[in-house]
Amino acid sequence: MSEPPSSWEDKTPERLYVITGGRSGPSTAVQLDLVTLVVAKVPARPEMQPEHAAILRMCQSPLSVAEIAAYAGLPVSAVTVLVGDLMTARRVHVRPPVPAAQLPDLALIEAVINGLQKL
């Protein structure tokens, strides 16, 4: 008995090739990494590629590239291509995440404490 034909919904390399148009990286100069936040600027439209529309629906609130990949069930490399397409079409806004707070210089803290103790 032969194997059933693969479904279009599976994660075959051929499907990913079609989804990304054979590209392996975004067509924009902006570097997208796992923690880059993506927010939709416009709603999804019926004539859009299904994966593009799904990203727009997901990103009504900021989502990271890693979260989009997880929810969409796609590799991060494919998601960066799709988000790049949406950036080029001005359908999403991307931004780096809020940086973690930096600890102030230890010497400065000690100087402030010493100054307060002298009051």
PDB file of N, CA and C in Angstrom:
ATOM      1  N   MET A   1       0.852  -1.176   0.000  1.00  0.00           N
ATOM      2  CA  MET A   1       0.000   0.000   0.000  1.00  0.00           C
ATOM      3  C   MET A   1       0.894   1.235   0.000  1.00  0.00           C
ATOM      4  N   SER A   2       0.628   2.158  -0.872  1.00  0.00           N
ATOM      5  CA  SER A   2       1.452   3.362  -0.966  1.00  0.00           C
ATOM      6  C   SER A   2       0.989   4.399   0.049  1.00  0.00           C
ATOM      7  N   GLU A   3       1.894   5.331   0.340  1.00  0.00           N
ATOM      8  CA  GLU A   3       1.576   6.394   1.297  1.00  0.00           C
ATOM      9  C   GLU A   3       0.589   7.366   0.672  1.00  0.00           C
ATOM     10  N   PRO A   4      -0.303   7.943   1.497  1.00  0.00           N
ATOM     11  CA  PRO A   4      -1.235   8.942   0.962  1.00  0.00           C
ATOM     12  C   PRO A   4      -0.471  10.186   0.530  1.00  0.00           C
ATOM     13  N   PRO A   5      -0.981  10.892  -0.469  1.00  0.00           N
ATOM     14  CA  PRO A   5      -0.303  12.126  -0.890  1.00  0.00           C
ATOM     15  C   PRO A   5      -0.245  13.110   0.262  1.00  0.00           C
ATOM     16  N   SER A   6       0.843  13.852   0.328  1.00  0.00           N
ATOM     17  CA  SER A   6       0.989  14.795   1.431  1.00  0.00           C
ATOM     18  C   SER A   6      -0.007  15.932   1.291  1.00  0.00           C
ATOM     19  N   SER A   7      -0.488  16.372   2.434  1.00  0.00           N
ATOM     20  CA  SER A   7      -1.450  17.464   2.479  1.00  0.00           C
ATOM     21  C   SER A   7      -0.724  18.791   2.290  1.00  0.00           C
ATOM     22  N   TRP A   8      -1.408  19.744   1.702  1.00  0.00           N
ATOM     23  CA  TRP A   8      -0.826  21.078   1.519  1.00  0.00           C
ATOM     24  C   TRP A   8      -0.576  21.734   2.864  1.00  0.00           C
ATOM     25  N   GLU A   9      -1.267  21.288   3.893  1.00  0.00           N
ATOM     26  CA  GLU A   9      -1.129  21.879   5.216  1.00  0.00           C
ATOM     27  C   GLU A   9       0.083  21.376   5.979  1.00  0.00           C
ATOM     28  N   ASP A  10       0.776  20.369   5.451  1.00  0.00           N
ATOM     29  CA  ASP A  10       1.942  19.896   6.198  1.00  0.00           C
ATOM     30  C   ASP A  10       3.099  20.871   6.047  1.00  0.00           C
ATOM     31  N   LYS A  11       4.163  20.602   6.745  1.00  0.00           N
ATOM     32  CA  LYS A  11       5.300  21.537   6.804  1.00  0.00           C
ATOM     33  C   LYS A  11       6.418  21.119   5.846  1.00  0.00           C
ATOM     34  N   THR A  12       6.066  20.703   4.657  1.00  0.00           N
ATOM     35  CA  THR A  12       7.071  20.255   3.711  1.00  0.00           C
ATOM     36  C   THR A  12       7.910  21.426   3.213  1.00  0.00           C
ATOM     37  N   PRO A  13       9.142  21.129   2.802  1.00  0.00           N
ATOM     38  CA  PRO A  13       9.973  22.203   2.235  1.00  0.00           C
ATOM     39  C   PRO A  13       9.335  22.854   1.014  1.00  0.00           C
ATOM     40  N   GLU A  14       8.585  22.066   0.241  1.00  0.00           N
ATOM     41  CA  GLU A  14       7.940  22.631  -0.952  1.00  0.00           C
ATOM     42  C   GLU A  14       6.921  23.696  -0.567  1.00  0.00           C
ATOM     43  N   ARG A  15       6.139  23.418   0.485  1.00  0.00           N
ATOM     44  CA  ARG A  15       5.139  24.392   0.931  1.00  0.00           C
ATOM     45  C   ARG A  15       5.826  25.663   1.416  1.00  0.00           C
ATOM     46  N   LEU A  16       6.890  25.507   2.198  1.00  0.00           N
ATOM     47  CA  LEU A  16       7.609  26.678   2.691  1.00  0.00           C
ATOM     48  C   LEU A  16       8.221  27.465   1.539  1.00  0.00           C
ATOM     49  N   TYR A  17       8.695  26.765   0.510  1.00  0.00           N
ATOM     50  CA  TYR A  17       9.261  27.428  -0.662  1.00  0.00           C
ATOM     51  C   TYR A  17       8.196  28.281  -1.342  1.00  0.00           C
ATOM     52  N   VAL A  18       6.992  27.735  -1.471  1.00  0.00           N
ATOM     53  CA  VAL A  18       5.893  28.477  -2.113  1.00  0.00           C
ATOM     54  C   VAL A  18       5.487  29.672  -1.253  1.00  0.00           C
ATOM     55  N   ILE A  19       5.362  29.454   0.057  1.00  0.00           N
ATOM     56  CA  ILE A  19       4.938  30.528   0.962  1.00  0.00           C
ATOM     57  C   ILE A  19       5.900  31.708   0.899  1.00  0.00           C
ATOM     58  N   THR A  20       7.196  31.425   0.853  1.00  0.00           N
ATOM     59  CA  THR A  20       8.201  32.491   0.890  1.00  0.00           C
ATOM     60  C   THR A  20       8.647  32.940  -0.491  1.00  0.00           C
ATOM     61  N   GLY A  21       8.123  32.340  -1.529  1.00  0.00           N
ATOM     62  CA  GLY A  21       8.545  32.686  -2.882  1.00  0.00           C
ATOM     63  C   GLY A  21       9.995  32.292  -3.135  1.00  0.00           C
ATOM     64  N   GLY A  22      10.466  31.275  -2.426  1.00  0.00           N
ATOM     65  CA  GLY A  22      11.832  30.804  -2.616  1.00  0.00           C
ATOM     66  C   GLY A  22      12.887  31.637  -1.925  1.00  0.00           C
ATOM     67  N   ARG A  23      12.460  32.642  -1.164  1.00  0.00           N
ATOM     68  CA  ARG A  23      13.426  33.507  -0.478  1.00  0.00           C
ATOM     69  C   ARG A  23      13.791  32.946   0.880  1.00  0.00           C
ATOM     70  N   SER A  24      15.015  33.224   1.316  1.00  0.00           N
ATOM     71  CA  SER A  24      15.455  32.718   2.612  1.00  0.00           C
ATOM     72  C   SER A  24      15.583  33.823   3.658  1.00  0.00           C
ATOM     73  N   GLY A  25      15.368  35.055   3.271  1.00  0.00           N
ATOM     74  CA  GLY A  25      15.455  36.172   4.200  1.00  0.00           C
ATOM     75  C   GLY A  25      14.537  37.292   3.770  1.00  0.00           C
ATOM     76  N   PRO A  26      14.248  38.221   4.677  1.00  0.00           N
ATOM     77  CA  PRO A  26      13.354  39.330   4.332  1.00  0.00           C
ATOM     78  C   PRO A  26      13.971  40.234   3.269  1.00  0.00           C
ATOM     79  N   SER A  27      13.111  40.889   2.522  1.00  0.00           N
ATOM     80  CA  SER A  27      13.568  41.771   1.447  1.00  0.00           C
ATOM     81  C   SER A  27      13.805  43.195   1.941  1.00  0.00           C
ATOM     82  N   THR A  28      13.826  43.394   3.244  1.00  0.00           N
ATOM     83  CA  THR A  28      14.050  44.717   3.814  1.00  0.00           C
ATOM     84  C   THR A  28      15.414  44.774   4.476  1.00  0.00           C
ATOM     85  N   ALA A  29      15.889  45.977   4.685  1.00  0.00           N
ATOM     86  CA  ALA A  29      17.187  46.158   5.333  1.00  0.00           C
ATOM     87  C   ALA A  29      17.086  46.013   6.848  1.00  0.00           C
ATOM     88  N   VAL A  30      15.880  46.042   7.386  1.00  0.00           N
ATOM     89  CA  VAL A  30      15.676  45.934   8.825  1.00  0.00           C
ATOM     90  C   VAL A  30      15.968  44.499   9.256  1.00  0.00           C
ATOM     91  N   GLN A  31      16.785  44.359  10.281  1.00  0.00           N
ATOM     92  CA  GLN A  31      17.100  43.035  10.814  1.00  0.00           C
ATOM     93  C   GLN A  31      15.976  42.588  11.739  1.00  0.00           C
ATOM     94  N   LEU A  32      15.407  41.441  11.450  1.00  0.00           N
ATOM     95  CA  LEU A  32      14.366  40.877  12.305  1.00  0.00           C
ATOM     96  C   LEU A  32      14.974  39.731  13.097  1.00  0.00           C
ATOM     97  N   ASP A  33      14.803  39.778  14.407  1.00  0.00           N
ATOM     98  CA  ASP A  33      15.268  38.655  15.217  1.00  0.00           C
ATOM     99  C   ASP A  33      14.090  38.103  16.014  1.00  0.00           C
ATOM    100  N   LEU A  34      14.345  37.147  16.857  1.00  0.00           N
ATOM    101  CA  LEU A  34      13.270  36.463  17.581  1.00  0.00           C
ATOM    102  C   LEU A  34      12.441  37.385  18.456  1.00  0.00           C
ATOM    103  N   VAL A  35      13.035  38.447  18.973  1.00  0.00           N
ATOM    104  CA  VAL A  35      12.322  39.320  19.908  1.00  0.00           C
ATOM    105  C   VAL A  35      11.824  40.612  19.276  1.00  0.00           C
ATOM    106  N   THR A  36      11.992  40.777  17.974  1.00  0.00           N
ATOM    107  CA  THR A  36      11.444  41.947  17.289  1.00  0.00           C
ATOM    108  C   THR A  36       9.924  41.906  17.412  1.00  0.00           C
ATOM    109  N   LEU A  37       9.333  43.020  17.797  1.00  0.00           N
ATOM    110  CA  LEU A  37       7.885  43.091  17.965  1.00  0.00           C
ATOM    111  C   LEU A  37       7.224  43.565  16.683  1.00  0.00           C
ATOM    112  N   VAL A  38       6.102  42.949  16.353  1.00  0.00           N
ATOM    113  CA  VAL A  38       5.370  43.243  15.121  1.00  0.00           C
ATOM    114  C   VAL A  38       3.950  43.645  15.502  1.00  0.00           C
ATOM    115  N   VAL A  39       3.468  44.750  14.911  1.00  0.00           N
ATOM    116  CA  VAL A  39       2.106  45.224  15.147  1.00  0.00           C
ATOM    117  C   VAL A  39       1.477  45.529  13.791  1.00  0.00           C
ATOM    118  N   ALA A  40       0.262  45.033  13.582  1.00  0.00           N
ATOM    119  CA  ALA A  40      -0.452  45.278  12.333  1.00  0.00           C
ATOM    120  C   ALA A  40      -0.893  46.737  12.257  1.00  0.00           C
ATOM    121  N   LYS A  41      -0.740  47.330  11.069  1.00  0.00           N
ATOM    122  CA  LYS A  41      -1.208  48.705  10.840  1.00  0.00           C
ATOM    123  C   LYS A  41      -2.547  48.718  10.114  1.00  0.00           C
ATOM    124  N   VAL A  42      -2.849  47.627   9.411  1.00  0.00           N
ATOM    125  CA  VAL A  42      -4.086  47.528   8.628  1.00  0.00           C
ATOM    126  C   VAL A  42      -4.707  46.149   8.870  1.00  0.00           C
ATOM    127  N   PRO A  43      -5.996  46.022   8.620  1.00  0.00           N
ATOM    128  CA  PRO A  43      -6.619  44.701   8.777  1.00  0.00           C
ATOM    129  C   PRO A  43      -6.254  43.774   7.615  1.00  0.00           C
ATOM    130  N   ALA A  44      -6.445  42.494   7.841  1.00  0.00           N
ATOM    131  CA  ALA A  44      -6.221  41.504   6.782  1.00  0.00           C
ATOM    132  C   ALA A  44      -7.279  41.679   5.705  1.00  0.00           C
ATOM    133  N   ARG A  45      -6.895  41.391   4.459  1.00  0.00           N
ATOM    134  CA  ARG A  45      -7.813  41.517   3.325  1.00  0.00           C
ATOM    135  C   ARG A  45      -8.001  40.146   2.696  1.00  0.00           C
ATOM    136  N   PRO A  46      -9.170  39.867   2.145  1.00  0.00           N
ATOM    137  CA  PRO A  46      -9.448  38.536   1.590  1.00  0.00           C
ATOM    138  C   PRO A  46      -8.499  38.118   0.463  1.00  0.00           C
ATOM    139  N   GLU A  47      -8.002  39.058  -0.308  1.00  0.00           N
ATOM    140  CA  GLU A  47      -7.154  38.705  -1.453  1.00  0.00           C
ATOM    141  C   GLU A  47      -5.697  38.449  -1.085  1.00  0.00           C
ATOM    142  N   MET A  48      -5.372  38.614   0.179  1.00  0.00           N
ATOM    143  CA  MET A  48      -3.990  38.426   0.634  1.00  0.00           C
ATOM    144  C   MET A  48      -3.635  36.947   0.710  1.00  0.00           C
ATOM    145  N   GLN A  49      -2.328  36.683   0.634  1.00  0.00           N
ATOM    146  CA  GLN A  49      -1.824  35.336   0.885  1.00  0.00           C
ATOM    147  C   GLN A  49      -2.286  34.939   2.290  1.00  0.00           C
ATOM    148  N   PRO A  50      -2.773  33.715   2.486  1.00  0.00           N
ATOM    149  CA  PRO A  50      -3.323  33.324   3.795  1.00  0.00           C
ATOM    150  C   PRO A  50      -2.364  33.535   4.968  1.00  0.00           C
ATOM    151  N   GLU A  51      -1.090  33.275   4.760  1.00  0.00           N
ATOM    152  CA  GLU A  51      -0.122  33.443   5.847  1.00  0.00           C
ATOM    153  C   GLU A  51       0.064  34.908   6.206  1.00  0.00           C
ATOM    154  N   HIS A  52       0.062  35.793   5.209  1.00  0.00           N
ATOM    155  CA  HIS A  52       0.150  37.230   5.484  1.00  0.00           C
ATOM    156  C   HIS A  52      -1.073  37.684   6.278  1.00  0.00           C
ATOM    157  N   ALA A  53      -2.253  37.234   5.845  1.00  0.00           N
ATOM    158  CA  ALA A  53      -3.488  37.611   6.531  1.00  0.00           C
ATOM    159  C   ALA A  53      -3.491  37.094   7.969  1.00  0.00           C
ATOM    160  N   ALA A  54      -3.001  35.883   8.169  1.00  0.00           N
ATOM    161  CA  ALA A  54      -2.954  35.316   9.521  1.00  0.00           C
ATOM    162  C   ALA A  54      -2.044  36.145  10.424  1.00  0.00           C
ATOM    163  N   ILE A  55      -0.911  36.583   9.907  1.00  0.00           N
ATOM    164  CA  ILE A  55       0.000  37.410  10.703  1.00  0.00           C
ATOM    165  C   ILE A  55      -0.665  38.729  11.078  1.00  0.00           C
ATOM    166  N   LEU A  56      -1.354  39.341  10.135  1.00  0.00           N
ATOM    167  CA  LEU A  56      -2.036  40.601  10.439  1.00  0.00           C
ATOM    168  C   LEU A  56      -3.110  40.403  11.506  1.00  0.00           C
ATOM    169  N   ARG A  57      -3.847  39.300  11.427  1.00  0.00           N
ATOM    170  CA  ARG A  57      -4.878  39.043  12.441  1.00  0.00           C
ATOM    171  C   ARG A  57      -4.245  38.798  13.810  1.00  0.00           C
ATOM    172  N   MET A  58      -3.122  38.090  13.837  1.00  0.00           N
ATOM    173  CA  MET A  58      -2.432  37.804  15.107  1.00  0.00           C
ATOM    174  C   MET A  58      -1.882  39.059  15.753  1.00  0.00           C
ATOM    175  N   CYS A  59      -1.413  39.984  14.932  1.00  0.00           N
ATOM    176  CA  CYS A  59      -0.623  41.120  15.435  1.00  0.00           C
ATOM    177  C   CYS A  59      -1.452  42.362  15.694  1.00  0.00           C
ATOM    178  N   GLN A  60      -2.696  42.205  16.119  1.00  0.00           N
ATOM    179  CA  GLN A  60      -3.475  43.370  16.519  1.00  0.00           C
ATOM    180  C   GLN A  60      -2.849  43.997  17.755  1.00  0.00           C
ATOM    181  N   SER A  61      -2.229  43.189  18.576  1.00  0.00           N
ATOM    182  CA  SER A  61      -1.398  43.619  19.697  1.00  0.00           C
ATOM    183  C   SER A  61       0.014  43.166  19.381  1.00  0.00           C
ATOM    184  N   PRO A  62       1.024  43.829  19.924  1.00  0.00           N
ATOM    185  CA  PRO A  62       2.398  43.457  19.585  1.00  0.00           C
ATOM    186  C   PRO A  62       2.706  41.994  19.902  1.00  0.00           C
ATOM    187  N   LEU A  63       3.324  41.334  18.940  1.00  0.00           N
ATOM    188  CA  LEU A  63       3.804  39.968  19.110  1.00  0.00           C
ATOM    189  C   LEU A  63       5.236  39.897  18.607  1.00  0.00           C
ATOM    190  N   SER A  64       6.030  39.065  19.235  1.00  0.00           N
ATOM    191  CA  SER A  64       7.405  38.883  18.767  1.00  0.00           C
ATOM    192  C   SER A  64       7.406  37.937  17.571  1.00  0.00           C
ATOM    193  N   VAL A  65       8.480  37.982  16.812  1.00  0.00           N
ATOM    194  CA  VAL A  65       8.644  37.087  15.667  1.00  0.00           C
ATOM    195  C   VAL A  65       8.571  35.637  16.143  1.00  0.00           C
ATOM    196  N   ALA A  66       9.159  35.332  17.286  1.00  0.00           N
ATOM    197  CA  ALA A  66       9.123  33.969  17.823  1.00  0.00           C
ATOM    198  C   ALA A  66       7.687  33.537  18.128  1.00  0.00           C
ATOM    199  N   GLU A  67       6.884  34.434  18.699  1.00  0.00           N
ATOM    200  CA  GLU A  67       5.491  34.099  19.004  1.00  0.00           C
ATOM    201  C   GLU A  67       4.694  33.875  17.724  1.00  0.00           C
ATOM    202  N   ILE A  68       4.918  34.721  16.725  1.00  0.00           N
ATOM    203  CA  ILE A  68       4.223  34.554  15.452  1.00  0.00           C
ATOM    204  C   ILE A  68       4.558  33.190  14.857  1.00  0.00           C
ATOM    205  N   ALA A  69       5.837  32.829  14.874  1.00  0.00           N
ATOM    206  CA  ALA A  69       6.256  31.539  14.329  1.00  0.00           C
ATOM    207  C   ALA A  69       5.575  30.396  15.078  1.00  0.00           C
ATOM    208  N   ALA A  70       5.509  30.496  16.396  1.00  0.00           N
ATOM    209  CA  ALA A  70       4.884  29.439  17.192  1.00  0.00           C
ATOM    210  C   ALA A  70       3.390  29.328  16.887  1.00  0.00           C
ATOM    211  N   TYR A  71       2.691  30.452  16.869  1.00  0.00           N
ATOM    212  CA  TYR A  71       1.252  30.431  16.608  1.00  0.00           C
ATOM    213  C   TYR A  71       0.939  29.989  15.179  1.00  0.00           C
ATOM    214  N   ALA A  72       1.752  30.394  14.228  1.00  0.00           N
ATOM    215  CA  ALA A  72       1.515  30.047  12.828  1.00  0.00           C
ATOM    216  C   ALA A  72       1.999  28.635  12.489  1.00  0.00           C
ATOM    217  N   GLY A  73       2.834  28.068  13.357  1.00  0.00           N
ATOM    218  CA  GLY A  73       3.379  26.740  13.071  1.00  0.00           C
ATOM    219  C   GLY A  73       4.360  26.754  11.919  1.00  0.00           C
ATOM    220  N   LEU A  74       5.078  27.864  11.775  1.00  0.00           N
ATOM    221  CA  LEU A  74       6.053  28.019  10.696  1.00  0.00           C
ATOM    222  C   LEU A  74       7.436  28.254  11.274  1.00  0.00           C
ATOM    223  N   PRO A  75       8.488  27.921  10.520  1.00  0.00           N
ATOM    224  CA  PRO A  75       9.839  28.231  10.980  1.00  0.00           C
ATOM    225  C   PRO A  75      10.050  29.746  11.057  1.00  0.00           C
ATOM    226  N   VAL A  76      10.917  30.154  11.959  1.00  0.00           N
ATOM    227  CA  VAL A  76      11.217  31.580  12.116  1.00  0.00           C
ATOM    228  C   VAL A  76      11.714  32.169  10.800  1.00  0.00           C
ATOM    229  N   SER A  77      12.504  31.415  10.056  1.00  0.00           N
ATOM    230  CA  SER A  77      13.032  31.928   8.781  1.00  0.00           C
ATOM    231  C   SER A  77      11.901  32.269   7.811  1.00  0.00           C
ATOM    232  N   ALA A  78      10.858  31.464   7.774  1.00  0.00           N
ATOM    233  CA  ALA A  78       9.719  31.756   6.897  1.00  0.00           C
ATOM    234  C   ALA A  78       8.953  32.967   7.408  1.00  0.00           C
ATOM    235  N   VAL A  79       8.804  33.071   8.715  1.00  0.00           N
ATOM    236  CA  VAL A  79       8.075  34.204   9.304  1.00  0.00           C
ATOM    237  C   VAL A  79       8.817  35.513   9.030  1.00  0.00           C
ATOM    238  N   THR A  80      10.148  35.503   9.099  1.00  0.00           N
ATOM    239  CA  THR A  80      10.879  36.745   8.828  1.00  0.00           C
ATOM    240  C   THR A  80      10.683  37.189   7.381  1.00  0.00           C
ATOM    241  N   VAL A  81      10.571  36.242   6.454  1.00  0.00           N
ATOM    242  CA  VAL A  81      10.301  36.592   5.056  1.00  0.00           C
ATOM    243  C   VAL A  81       8.912  37.209   4.941  1.00  0.00           C
ATOM    244  N   LEU A  82       7.922  36.575   5.570  1.00  0.00           N
ATOM    245  CA  LEU A  82       6.546  37.062   5.487  1.00  0.00           C
ATOM    246  C   LEU A  82       6.392  38.430   6.149  1.00  0.00           C
ATOM    247  N   VAL A  83       7.006  38.616   7.310  1.00  0.00           N
ATOM    248  CA  VAL A  83       6.948  39.918   7.984  1.00  0.00           C
ATOM    249  C   VAL A  83       7.665  40.967   7.135  1.00  0.00           C
ATOM    250  N   GLY A  84       8.763  40.599   6.511  1.00  0.00           N
ATOM    251  CA  GLY A  84       9.459  41.519   5.600  1.00  0.00           C
ATOM    252  C   GLY A  84       8.561  41.962   4.458  1.00  0.00           C
ATOM    253  N   ASP A  85       7.785  41.024   3.909  1.00  0.00           N
ATOM    254  CA  ASP A  85       6.828  41.377   2.855  1.00  0.00           C
ATOM    255  C   ASP A  85       5.809  42.383   3.364  1.00  0.00           C
ATOM    256  N   LEU A  86       5.295  42.136   4.563  1.00  0.00           N
ATOM    257  CA  LEU A  86       4.300  43.037   5.143  1.00  0.00           C
ATOM    258  C   LEU A  86       4.894  44.404   5.463  1.00  0.00           C
ATOM    259  N   MET A  87       6.174  44.428   5.842  1.00  0.00           N
ATOM    260  CA  MET A  87       6.853  45.707   6.080  1.00  0.00           C
ATOM    261  C   MET A  87       6.976  46.490   4.776  1.00  0.00           C
ATOM    262  N   THR A  88       7.390  45.804   3.715  1.00  0.00           N
ATOM    263  CA  THR A  88       7.537  46.449   2.411  1.00  0.00           C
ATOM    264  C   THR A  88       6.212  47.037   1.944  1.00  0.00           C
ATOM    265  N   ALA A  89       5.117  46.318   2.208  1.00  0.00           N
ATOM    266  CA  ALA A  89       3.785  46.787   1.821  1.00  0.00           C
ATOM    267  C   ALA A  89       3.209  47.780   2.829  1.00  0.00           C
ATOM    268  N   ARG A  90       3.980  48.129   3.858  1.00  0.00           N
ATOM    269  CA  ARG A  90       3.567  49.065   4.904  1.00  0.00           C
ATOM    270  C   ARG A  90       2.288  48.616   5.611  1.00  0.00           C
ATOM    271  N   ARG A  91       2.211  47.314   5.862  1.00  0.00           N
ATOM    272  CA  ARG A  91       1.039  46.766   6.550  1.00  0.00           C
ATOM    273  C   ARG A  91       1.314  46.464   8.018  1.00  0.00           C
ATOM    274  N   VAL A  92       2.594  46.450   8.401  1.00  0.00           N
ATOM    275  CA  VAL A  92       2.956  46.224   9.805  1.00  0.00           C
ATOM    276  C   VAL A  92       4.021  47.226  10.210  1.00  0.00           C
ATOM    277  N   HIS A  93       4.109  47.406  11.505  1.00  0.00           N
ATOM    278  CA  HIS A  93       5.164  48.223  12.101  1.00  0.00           C
ATOM    279  C   HIS A  93       5.989  47.277  12.957  1.00  0.00           C
ATOM    280  N   VAL A  94       7.304  47.353  12.833  1.00  0.00           N
ATOM    281  CA  VAL A  94       8.171  46.517  13.669  1.00  0.00           C
ATOM    282  C   VAL A  94       9.052  47.416  14.520  1.00  0.00           C
ATOM    283  N   ARG A  95       9.371  46.900  15.705  1.00  0.00           N
ATOM    284  CA  ARG A  95      10.266  47.642  16.589  1.00  0.00           C
ATOM    285  C   ARG A  95      10.973  46.650  17.492  1.00  0.00           C
ATOM    286  N   PRO A  96      12.163  47.030  17.909  1.00  0.00           N
ATOM    287  CA  PRO A  96      12.850  46.157  18.868  1.00  0.00           C
ATOM    288  C   PRO A  96      12.114  46.197  20.197  1.00  0.00           C
ATOM    289  N   PRO A  97      12.251  45.173  21.004  1.00  0.00           N
ATOM    290  CA  PRO A  97      11.576  45.199  22.303  1.00  0.00           C
ATOM    291  C   PRO A  97      12.174  46.274  23.199  1.00  0.00           C
ATOM    292  N   VAL A  98      11.432  46.617  24.226  1.00  0.00           N
ATOM    293  CA  VAL A  98      11.928  47.594  25.193  1.00  0.00           C
ATOM    294  C   VAL A  98      13.168  46.993  25.847  1.00  0.00           C
ATOM    295  N   PRO A  99      14.279  47.717  25.816  1.00  0.00           N
ATOM    296  CA  PRO A  99      15.493  47.140  26.401  1.00  0.00           C
ATOM    297  C   PRO A  99      15.357  46.962  27.912  1.00  0.00           C
ATOM    298  N   ALA A 100      16.047  45.970  28.414  1.00  0.00           N
ATOM    299  CA  ALA A 100      16.050  45.727  29.860  1.00  0.00           C
ATOM    300  C   ALA A 100      16.729  46.895  30.553  1.00  0.00           C
ATOM    301  N   ALA A 101      16.261  47.178  31.735  1.00  0.00           N
ATOM    302  CA  ALA A 101      16.847  48.275  32.506  1.00  0.00           C
ATOM    303  C   ALA A 101      18.305  47.958  32.818  1.00  0.00           C
ATOM    304  N   GLN A 102      19.150  48.940  32.656  1.00  0.00           N
ATOM    305  CA  GLN A 102      20.564  48.781  32.955  1.00  0.00           C
ATOM    306  C   GLN A 102      20.801  49.159  34.413  1.00  0.00           C
ATOM    307  N   LEU A 103      21.603  48.384  35.076  1.00  0.00           N
ATOM    308  CA  LEU A 103      21.948  48.726  36.458  1.00  0.00           C
ATOM    309  C   LEU A 103      22.871  49.934  36.454  1.00  0.00           C
ATOM    310  N   PRO A 104      22.612  50.874  37.346  1.00  0.00           N
ATOM    311  CA  PRO A 104      23.502  52.036  37.416  1.00  0.00           C
ATOM    312  C   PRO A 104      24.879  51.620  37.923  1.00  0.00           C
ATOM    313  N   ASP A 105      25.811  52.479  37.720  1.00  0.00           N
ATOM    314  CA  ASP A 105      27.186  52.241  38.155  1.00  0.00           C
ATOM    315  C   ASP A 105      27.227  52.064  39.670  1.00  0.00           C
ATOM    316  N   LEU A 106      27.891  51.004  40.131  1.00  0.00           N
ATOM    317  CA  LEU A 106      27.974  50.703  41.559  1.00  0.00           C
ATOM    318  C   LEU A 106      28.641  51.846  42.332  1.00  0.00           C
ATOM    319  N   ALA A 107      29.653  52.459  41.752  1.00  0.00           N
ATOM    320  CA  ALA A 107      30.336  53.569  42.426  1.00  0.00           C
ATOM    321  C   ALA A 107      29.371  54.741  42.638  1.00  0.00           C
ATOM    322  N   LEU A 108      28.507  54.996  41.691  1.00  0.00           N
ATOM    323  CA  LEU A 108      27.528  56.070  41.825  1.00  0.00           C
ATOM    324  C   LEU A 108      26.557  55.772  42.965  1.00  0.00           C
ATOM    325  N   ILE A 109      26.099  54.540  43.052  1.00  0.00           N
ATOM    326  CA  ILE A 109      25.180  54.163  44.131  1.00  0.00           C
ATOM    327  C   ILE A 109      25.849  54.352  45.492  1.00  0.00           C
ATOM    328  N   GLU A 110      27.087  53.911  45.602  1.00  0.00           N
ATOM    329  CA  GLU A 110      27.813  54.061  46.873  1.00  0.00           C
ATOM    330  C   GLU A 110      28.001  55.531  47.228  1.00  0.00           C
ATOM    331  N   ALA A 111      28.272  56.364  46.243  1.00  0.00           N
ATOM    332  CA  ALA A 111      28.445  57.792  46.498  1.00  0.00           C
ATOM    333  C   ALA A 111      27.140  58.413  46.980  1.00  0.00           C
ATOM    334  N   VAL A 112      26.024  58.013  46.397  1.00  0.00           N
ATOM    335  CA  VAL A 112      24.728  58.539  46.827  1.00  0.00           C
ATOM    336  C   VAL A 112      24.434  58.097  48.254  1.00  0.00           C
ATOM    337  N   ILE A 113      24.676  56.827  48.547  1.00  0.00           N
ATOM    338  CA  ILE A 113      24.439  56.323  49.915  1.00  0.00           C
ATOM    339  C   ILE A 113      25.303  57.065  50.915  1.00  0.00           C
ATOM    340  N   ASN A 114      26.585  57.244  50.603  1.00  0.00           N
ATOM    341  CA  ASN A 114      27.483  57.983  51.499  1.00  0.00           C
ATOM    342  C   ASN A 114      27.004  59.409  51.700  1.00  0.00           C
ATOM    343  N   GLY A 115      26.557  60.045  50.630  1.00  0.00           N
ATOM    344  CA  GLY A 115      26.059  61.404  50.737  1.00  0.00           C
ATOM    345  C   GLY A 115      24.809  61.485  51.601  1.00  0.00           C
ATOM    346  N   LEU A 116      23.923  60.528  51.459  1.00  0.00           N
ATOM    347  CA  LEU A 116      22.711  60.510  52.279  1.00  0.00           C
ATOM    348  C   LEU A 116      23.028  60.256  53.743  1.00  0.00           C
ATOM    349  N   GLN A 117      24.009  59.415  54.017  1.00  0.00           N
ATOM    350  CA  GLN A 117      24.371  59.130  55.399  1.00  0.00           C
ATOM    351  C   GLN A 117      24.980  60.358  56.078  1.00  0.00           C
ATOM    352  N   LYS A 118      25.603  61.240  55.330  1.00  0.00           N
ATOM    353  CA  LYS A 118      26.231  62.433  55.898  1.00  0.00           C
ATOM    354  C   LYS A 118      25.203  63.521  56.196  1.00  0.00           C
ATOM    355  N   LEU A 119      24.002  63.395  55.719  1.00  0.00           N
ATOM    356  CA  LEU A 119      22.964  64.415  55.969  1.00  0.00           C
ATOM    357  C   LEU A 119      22.495  64.418  57.371  1.00  0.00           C
TER     358      LEU A 119
END
